[in-house]
C-alpha atoms as a PDB file:
ATOM      1  CA  UNK A   1       0.000   0.000   0.000  1.00  0.00           C
ATOM      2  CA  UNK A   2       1.407   3.363  -1.038  1.00  0.00           C
ATOM      3  CA  UNK A   3       1.068   6.423   1.182  1.00  0.00           C
ATOM      4  CA  UNK A   4       1.947  10.057   0.603  1.00  0.00           C
ATOM      5  CA  UNK A   5       4.351  10.790   3.448  1.00  0.00           C
ATOM      6  CA  UNK A   6       4.605  12.316   5.966  1.00  0.00           C
ATOM      7  CA  UNK A   7       1.136  11.736   7.397  1.00  0.00           C
ATOM      8  CA  UNK A   8      -0.668  13.437  10.281  1.00  0.00           C
ATOM      9  CA  UNK A   9      -2.751  10.897  12.232  1.00  0.00           C
ATOM     10  CA  UNK A  10      -5.098  12.567  14.741  1.00  0.00           C
ATOM     11  CA  UNK A  11      -5.696  10.458  17.857  1.00  0.00           C
ATOM     12  CA  UNK A  12      -9.389  10.335  18.700  1.00  0.00           C
ATOM     13  CA  UNK A  13      -8.491   9.681  22.350  1.00  0.00           C
ATOM     14  CA  UNK A  14      -8.481  13.494  22.636  1.00  0.00           C
ATOM     15  CA  UNK A  15     -11.714  14.003  20.673  1.00  0.00           C
ATOM     16  CA  UNK A  16     -15.098  14.921  22.150  1.00  0.00           C
ATOM     17  CA  UNK A  17     -16.900  11.569  22.202  1.00  0.00           C
ATOM     18  CA  UNK A  18     -20.299  13.305  22.333  1.00  0.00           C
ATOM     19  CA  UNK A  19     -19.564  14.539  18.802  1.00  0.00           C
ATOM     20  CA  UNK A  20     -17.022  12.015  17.594  1.00  0.00           C
ATOM     21  CA  UNK A  21     -18.315  11.887  14.026  1.00  0.00           C
ATOM     22  CA  UNK A  22     -18.158  15.671  13.695  1.00  0.00           C
ATOM     23  CA  UNK A  23     -14.628  15.866  15.128  1.00  0.00           C
ATOM     24  CA  UNK A  24     -13.425  13.136  12.754  1.00  0.00           C
ATOM     25  CA  UNK A  25     -15.053  14.781   9.755  1.00  0.00           C
ATOM     26  CA  UNK A  26     -13.491  18.119  10.719  1.00  0.00           C
ATOM     27  CA  UNK A  27     -10.140  16.326  10.454  1.00  0.00           C
ATOM     28  CA  UNK A  28     -11.057  14.800   7.092  1.00  0.00           C
ATOM     29  CA  UNK A  29     -12.037  18.256   5.793  1.00  0.00           C
ATOM     30  CA  UNK A  30      -8.541  19.421   6.723  1.00  0.00           C
ATOM     31  CA  UNK A  31      -7.015  16.688   4.545  1.00  0.00           C
ATOM     32  CA  UNK A  32      -6.488  13.893   7.084  1.00  0.00           C
ATOM     33  CA  UNK A  33      -6.315  10.361   5.634  1.00  0.00           C
ATOM     34  CA  UNK A  34      -5.321   8.413   8.799  1.00  0.00           C
ATOM     35  CA  UNK A  35      -7.206   8.191  12.103  1.00  0.00           C
ATOM     36  CA  UNK A  36      -5.311   6.882  15.142  1.00  0.00           C
ATOM     37  CA  UNK A  37      -7.158   4.853  17.792  1.00  0.00           C
ATOM     38  CA  UNK A  38      -5.475   4.453  21.196  1.00  0.00           C
ATOM     39  CA  UNK A  39      -6.832   1.428  23.056  1.00  0.00           C
ATOM     40  CA  UNK A  40      -6.072   1.220  26.807  1.00  0.00           C
ATOM     41  CA  UNK A  41      -7.104  -1.579  29.149  1.00  0.00           C
ATOM     42  CA  UNK A  42      -6.323  -0.302  32.666  1.00  0.00           C
ATOM     43  CA  UNK A  43      -3.766  -3.110  33.110  1.00  0.00           C
ATOM     44  CA  UNK A  44      -0.902  -2.644  30.663  1.00  0.00           C
ATOM     45  CA  UNK A  45      -1.404   1.113  31.118  1.00  0.00           C
ATOM     46  CA  UNK A  46      -3.154   2.933  33.993  1.00  0.00           C
ATOM     47  CA  UNK A  47      -6.185   4.240  32.103  1.00  0.00           C
ATOM     48  CA  UNK A  48      -9.090   2.663  30.241  1.00  0.00           C
ATOM     49  CA  UNK A  49     -10.060   4.295  26.950  1.00  0.00           C
ATOM     50  CA  UNK A  50     -12.515   2.504  24.639  1.00  0.00           C
ATOM     51  CA  UNK A  51     -13.040  -0.688  22.677  1.00  0.00           C
ATOM     52  CA  UNK A  52     -14.005  -1.983  19.230  1.00  0.00           C
ATOM     53  CA  UNK A  53     -17.380  -0.183  19.219  1.00  0.00           C
ATOM     54  CA  UNK A  54     -15.668   3.222  19.064  1.00  0.00           C
ATOM     55  CA  UNK A  55     -13.328   2.050  16.301  1.00  0.00           C
ATOM     56  CA  UNK A  56     -16.402   0.851  14.412  1.00  0.00           C
ATOM     57  CA  UNK A  57     -18.097   4.239  14.939  1.00  0.00           C
ATOM     58  CA  UNK A  58     -14.971   6.062  13.746  1.00  0.00           C
ATOM     59  CA  UNK A  59     -14.816   3.919  10.613  1.00  0.00           C
ATOM     60  CA  UNK A  60     -18.515   4.524   9.958  1.00  0.00           C
ATOM     61  CA  UNK A  61     -17.931   8.286  10.288  1.00  0.00           C
ATOM     62  CA  UNK A  62     -15.067   8.237   7.792  1.00  0.00           C
ATOM     63  CA  UNK A  63     -15.132   5.000   5.773  1.00  0.00           C
ATOM     64  CA  UNK A  64     -12.419   6.296   3.429  1.00  0.00           C
ATOM     65  CA  UNK A  65      -9.970   6.933   6.288  1.00  0.00           C
ATOM     66  CA  UNK A  66      -7.171   4.497   7.190  1.00  0.00           C
ATOM     67  CA  UNK A  67      -7.824   3.170  10.709  1.00  0.00           C
ATOM     68  CA  UNK A  68      -4.582   2.910  12.667  1.00  0.00           C
ATOM     69  CA  UNK A  69      -5.269   0.971  15.889  1.00  0.00           C
ATOM     70  CA  UNK A  70      -2.694   1.042  18.710  1.00  0.00           C
ATOM     71  CA  UNK A  71      -3.302  -1.659  21.328  1.00  0.00           C
ATOM     72  CA  UNK A  72      -1.926  -0.620  24.722  1.00  0.00           C
ATOM     73  CA  UNK A  73      -3.307  -3.776  26.289  1.00  0.00           C
ATOM     74  CA  UNK A  74      -2.273  -7.065  27.830  1.00  0.00           C
ATOM     75  CA  UNK A  75      -2.703 -10.228  25.752  1.00  0.00           C
ATOM     76  CA  UNK A  76      -3.575  -8.348  22.540  1.00  0.00           C
ATOM     77  CA  UNK A  77      -3.850 -11.570  20.496  1.00  0.00           C
ATOM     78  CA  UNK A  78      -7.266 -12.212  22.068  1.00  0.00           C
ATOM     79  CA  UNK A  79      -8.717  -9.024  20.591  1.00  0.00           C
ATOM     80  CA  UNK A  80      -7.087  -8.654  17.180  1.00  0.00           C
ATOM     81  CA  UNK A  81     -10.008 -10.148  15.263  1.00  0.00           C
ATOM     82  CA  UNK A  82     -12.501  -7.912  17.095  1.00  0.00           C
ATOM     83  CA  UNK A  83     -10.636  -4.751  16.074  1.00  0.00           C
ATOM     84  CA  UNK A  84     -10.188  -5.881  12.477  1.00  0.00           C
ATOM     85  CA  UNK A  85     -13.907  -6.640  12.272  1.00  0.00           C
ATOM     86  CA  UNK A  86     -14.525  -3.131  13.661  1.00  0.00           C
ATOM     87  CA  UNK A  87     -12.546  -1.585  10.788  1.00  0.00           C
ATOM     88  CA  UNK A  88      -8.865  -1.585  11.750  1.00  0.00           C
ATOM     89  CA  UNK A  89      -6.551  -1.406   8.723  1.00  0.00           C
ATOM     90  CA  UNK A  90      -3.392  -1.625  10.838  1.00  0.00           C
ATOM     91  CA  UNK A  91      -2.902  -2.942  14.362  1.00  0.00           C
ATOM     92  CA  UNK A  92       0.170  -2.188  16.445  1.00  0.00           C
ATOM     93  CA  UNK A  93       1.084  -4.155  19.569  1.00  0.00           C
ATOM     94  CA  UNK A  94       3.657  -3.393  22.245  1.00  0.00           C
ATOM     95  CA  UNK A  95       6.911  -5.291  22.397  1.00  0.00           C
ATOM     96  CA  UNK A  96       6.541  -5.102  26.187  1.00  0.00           C
ATOM     97  CA  UNK A  97       3.107  -6.823  26.113  1.00  0.00           C
ATOM     98  CA  UNK A  98       3.927  -9.677  23.713  1.00  0.00           C
ATOM     99  CA  UNK A  99       6.099 -12.520  25.001  1.00  0.00           C
ATOM    100  CA  UNK A 100       5.723 -14.229  21.596  1.00  0.00           C
ATOM    101  CA  UNK A 101       6.026 -11.197  19.345  1.00  0.00           C
ATOM    102  CA  UNK A 102       6.537 -13.028  16.046  1.00  0.00           C
ATOM    103  CA  UNK A 103       3.361 -14.998  16.676  1.00  0.00           C
ATOM    104  CA  UNK A 104       1.443 -11.824  17.527  1.00  0.00           C
ATOM    105  CA  UNK A 105       2.557 -10.137  14.288  1.00  0.00           C
ATOM    106  CA  UNK A 106       1.656 -13.245  12.287  1.00  0.00           C
ATOM    107  CA  UNK A 107      -1.758 -13.327  13.961  1.00  0.00           C
ATOM    108  CA  UNK A 108      -2.548  -9.765  12.864  1.00  0.00           C
ATOM    109  CA  UNK A 109      -1.511 -10.446   9.284  1.00  0.00           C
ATOM    110  CA  UNK A 110      -3.429 -13.733   9.223  1.00  0.00           C
ATOM    111  CA  UNK A 111      -6.608 -11.758   9.888  1.00  0.00           C
ATOM    112  CA  UNK A 112      -5.914  -9.385   6.996  1.00  0.00           C
ATOM    113  CA  UNK A 113      -4.513  -6.223   8.578  1.00  0.00           C
ATOM    114  CA  UNK A 114      -1.122  -4.536   8.438  1.00  0.00           C
ATOM    115  CA  UNK A 115       0.976  -5.157  11.567  1.00  0.00           C
ATOM    116  CA  UNK A 116       3.075  -2.834  13.692  1.00  0.00           C
ATOM    117  CA  UNK A 117       5.243  -3.093  16.791  1.00  0.00           C
ATOM    118  CA  UNK A 118       5.458  -0.403  19.495  1.00  0.00           C
ATOM    119  CA  UNK A 119       8.315   0.413  21.871  1.00  0.00           C
ATOM    120  CA  UNK A 120       8.047   2.408  25.088  1.00  0.00           C
ATOM    121  CA  UNK A 121      10.502   5.256  25.807  1.00  0.00           C
ATOM    122  CA  UNK A 122      12.720   3.087  28.031  1.00  0.00           C
ATOM    123  CA  UNK A 123      12.844   0.154  25.574  1.00  0.00           C
ATOM    124  CA  UNK A 124      15.904  -0.127  23.355  1.00  0.00           C
ATOM    125  CA  UNK A 125      15.419  -0.604  19.618  1.00  0.00           C
ATOM    126  CA  UNK A 126      17.901  -3.474  19.958  1.00  0.00           C
ATOM    127  CA  UNK A 127      15.025  -5.562  21.341  1.00  0.00           C
ATOM    128  CA  UNK A 128      12.959  -5.352  18.156  1.00  0.00           C
ATOM    129  CA  UNK A 129      15.693  -5.821  15.553  1.00  0.00           C
ATOM    130  CA  UNK A 130      14.709  -9.505  14.990  1.00  0.00           C
ATOM    131  CA  UNK A 131      11.125  -8.482  14.075  1.00  0.00           C
ATOM    132  CA  UNK A 132      11.856  -5.548  11.749  1.00  0.00           C
ATOM    133  CA  UNK A 133      11.745  -7.586   8.548  1.00  0.00           C
ATOM    134  CA  UNK A 134       8.217  -8.804   9.381  1.00  0.00           C
ATOM    135  CA  UNK A 135       6.422  -5.582  10.368  1.00  0.00           C
ATOM    136  CA  UNK A 136       4.726  -2.871   8.309  1.00  0.00           C
ATOM    137  CA  UNK A 137       5.251  -0.153  10.915  1.00  0.00           C
ATOM    138  CA  UNK A 138       7.290   0.636  14.014  1.00  0.00           C
ATOM    139  CA  UNK A 139       5.747   3.039  16.522  1.00  0.00           C
ATOM    140  CA  UNK A 140       8.036   4.920  18.870  1.00  0.00           C
ATOM    141  CA  UNK A 141       6.350   6.190  22.017  1.00  0.00           C
ATOM    142  CA  UNK A 142       7.618   9.696  22.741  1.00  0.00           C
ATOM    143  CA  UNK A 143       5.718   9.752  26.052  1.00  0.00           C
ATOM    144  CA  UNK A 144       5.021   6.978  28.518  1.00  0.00           C
ATOM    145  CA  UNK A 145       1.758   5.371  27.382  1.00  0.00           C
ATOM    146  CA  UNK A 146      -1.467   5.687  29.308  1.00  0.00           C
ATOM    147  CA  UNK A 147      -2.282   9.398  29.378  1.00  0.00           C
ATOM    148  CA  UNK A 148      -2.989  12.069  26.759  1.00  0.00           C
ATOM    149  CA  UNK A 149      -1.522  15.558  26.806  1.00  0.00           C
ATOM    150  CA  UNK A 150       2.012  14.658  27.974  1.00  0.00           C
ATOM    151  CA  UNK A 151       5.198  16.472  26.985  1.00  0.00           C
ATOM    152  CA  UNK A 152       7.447  15.091  24.249  1.00  0.00           C
ATOM    153  CA  UNK A 153      10.503  13.180  25.551  1.00  0.00           C
ATOM    154  CA  UNK A 154      13.482  14.846  23.852  1.00  0.00           C
ATOM    155  CA  UNK A 155      15.555  11.664  23.530  1.00  0.00           C
ATOM    156  CA  UNK A 156      12.916  10.452  21.052  1.00  0.00           C
ATOM    157  CA  UNK A 157      14.664  12.431  18.307  1.00  0.00           C
ATOM    158  CA  UNK A 158      17.746  10.226  18.628  1.00  0.00           C
ATOM    159  CA  UNK A 159      15.568   7.118  18.684  1.00  0.00           C
ATOM    160  CA  UNK A 160      13.852   8.176  15.446  1.00  0.00           C
ATOM    161  CA  UNK A 161      17.210   8.703  13.734  1.00  0.00           C
ATOM    162  CA  UNK A 162      18.495   5.354  15.017  1.00  0.00           C
ATOM    163  CA  UNK A 163      15.392   3.577  13.699  1.00  0.00           C
ATOM    164  CA  UNK A 164      15.691   5.278  10.305  1.00  0.00           C
ATOM    165  CA  UNK A 165      19.310   4.083  10.144  1.00  0.00           C
ATOM    166  CA  UNK A 166      18.256   0.520  11.026  1.00  0.00           C
ATOM    167  CA  UNK A 167      15.640   0.598   8.282  1.00  0.00           C
ATOM    168  CA  UNK A 168      18.158   1.735   5.702  1.00  0.00           C
ATOM    169  CA  UNK A 169      20.873  -0.674   6.835  1.00  0.00           C
ATOM    170  CA  UNK A 170      18.495  -3.632   6.722  1.00  0.00           C
ATOM    171  CA  UNK A 171      16.801  -2.532   3.506  1.00  0.00           C
ATOM    172  CA  UNK A 172      13.445  -2.715   5.292  1.00  0.00           C
ATOM    173  CA  UNK A 173      10.246  -1.021   4.170  1.00  0.00           C
ATOM    174  CA  UNK A 174       8.368  -0.447   7.448  1.00  0.00           C
ATOM    175  CA  UNK A 175       6.861   2.959   8.208  1.00  0.00           C
ATOM    176  CA  UNK A 176       8.076   4.926  11.228  1.00  0.00           C
ATOM    177  CA  UNK A 177       5.381   6.353  13.483  1.00  0.00           C
ATOM    178  CA  UNK A 178       5.653   8.525  16.593  1.00  0.00           C
ATOM    179  CA  UNK A 179       3.042   9.056  19.284  1.00  0.00           C
ATOM    180  CA  UNK A 180       3.077  11.511  22.161  1.00  0.00           C
ATOM    181  CA  UNK A 181       3.557  15.240  22.610  1.00  0.00           C
ATOM    182  CA  UNK A 182       3.578  16.157  18.898  1.00  0.00           C
ATOM    183  CA  UNK A 183       2.534  19.804  18.511  1.00  0.00           C
ATOM    184  CA  UNK A 184       2.890  22.881  16.346  1.00  0.00           C
ATOM    185  CA  UNK A 185       6.173  23.617  18.148  1.00  0.00           C
ATOM    186  CA  UNK A 186       7.953  20.383  17.278  1.00  0.00           C
ATOM    187  CA  UNK A 187       6.151  18.692  14.368  1.00  0.00           C
ATOM    188  CA  UNK A 188       8.715  19.840  11.780  1.00  0.00           C
ATOM    189  CA  UNK A 189      11.676  18.640  13.853  1.00  0.00           C
ATOM    190  CA  UNK A 190       9.976  15.299  14.545  1.00  0.00           C
ATOM    191  CA  UNK A 191       9.391  14.716  10.829  1.00  0.00           C
ATOM    192  CA  UNK A 192      12.959  15.741   9.981  1.00  0.00           C
ATOM    193  CA  UNK A 193      14.258  13.190  12.516  1.00  0.00           C
ATOM    194  CA  UNK A 194      12.602  10.399  10.543  1.00  0.00           C
ATOM    195  CA  UNK A 195       8.900  10.073  11.413  1.00  0.00           C
ATOM    196  CA  UNK A 196       6.608   9.107   8.518  1.00  0.00           C
ATOM    197  CA  UNK A 197       3.392   9.040  10.576  1.00  0.00           C
ATOM    198  CA  UNK A 198       2.892  11.676  13.268  1.00  0.00           C
ATOM    199  CA  UNK A 199       0.168  11.047  15.835  1.00  0.00           C
ATOM    200  CA  UNK A 200      -1.333  14.167  17.412  1.00  0.00           C
ATOM    201  CA  UNK A 201      -4.173  14.224  19.920  1.00  0.00           C
ATOM    202  CA  UNK A 202      -4.501  17.232  22.185  1.00  0.00           C
ATOM    203  CA  UNK A 203      -2.806  19.541  19.695  1.00  0.00           C
ATOM    204  CA  UNK A 204      -5.560  18.739  17.168  1.00  0.00           C
ATOM    205  CA  UNK A 205      -8.714  18.349  19.221  1.00  0.00           C
ATOM    206  CA  UNK A 206      -8.104  21.108  21.767  1.00  0.00           C
ATOM    207  CA  UNK A 207      -8.293  23.679  18.952  1.00  0.00           C
ATOM    208  CA  UNK A 208     -11.469  25.735  18.545  1.00  0.00           C
ATOM    209  CA  UNK A 209     -11.279  25.100  14.789  1.00  0.00           C
ATOM    210  CA  UNK A 210     -10.098  21.511  14.265  1.00  0.00           C
ATOM    211  CA  UNK A 211     -10.009  21.763  10.465  1.00  0.00           C
ATOM    212  CA  UNK A 212      -7.846  24.892  10.604  1.00  0.00           C
ATOM    213  CA  UNK A 213      -5.497  23.272  13.145  1.00  0.00           C
ATOM    214  CA  UNK A 214      -5.111  20.166  10.971  1.00  0.00           C
ATOM    215  CA  UNK A 215      -4.193  22.371   8.007  1.00  0.00           C
ATOM    216  CA  UNK A 216      -1.757  24.313  10.179  1.00  0.00           C
ATOM    217  CA  UNK A 217      -0.021  21.118  11.287  1.00  0.00           C
ATOM    218  CA  UNK A 218       0.069  19.548   7.825  1.00  0.00           C
ATOM    219  CA  UNK A 219       1.394  22.761   6.286  1.00  0.00           C
ATOM    220  CA  UNK A 220       4.414  22.408   8.551  1.00  0.00           C
ATOM    221  CA  UNK A 221       4.978  18.900   7.150  1.00  0.00           C
ATOM    222  CA  UNK A 222       5.161  20.009   3.518  1.00  0.00           C
END
């Protein structure tokens, strides 16, 4: 699947769920093609967010959008099929939550979705080198997962560059995504460091005019 990079992927975790369809369509009007869904279970991370029903509602609101589902949950293999049936085009699972990571990636692909692996800020990229040839995307957490609205961890720039180097050295084709603290202040620098997909939550949905904010952010990516 070909994508026009870089891509802004608004995280609906920060949207107003009483008007989720409107918020998503405001993003689409601004040119958004990816919607990011952060799933939290209250075990792997402290908070609980939402489940497949919200992903299904998001897909119904914007059927043309690419649904990027990030599972911050324990035992994600149990729920992969549910999220794909709800409309997920790509599912990413945490290295830290998958004791049998190859099997988890194979399970996602078996059910017809693209597969990604996620690493927390304190996890070295060394740990995921054996899986890089099998994944479609690597997501670098630039905050500790579990809460929206956190500040960007500055060492994430080095991690992005290191991952881009690993991709080139291994002749891999995975996309590089970053999630956490992306804003108007740093979006250009984050993209320059190597991010192909930039997740933004609060910086999109806290704006009075979501469509205008999306355009403002994407303009900085051109």
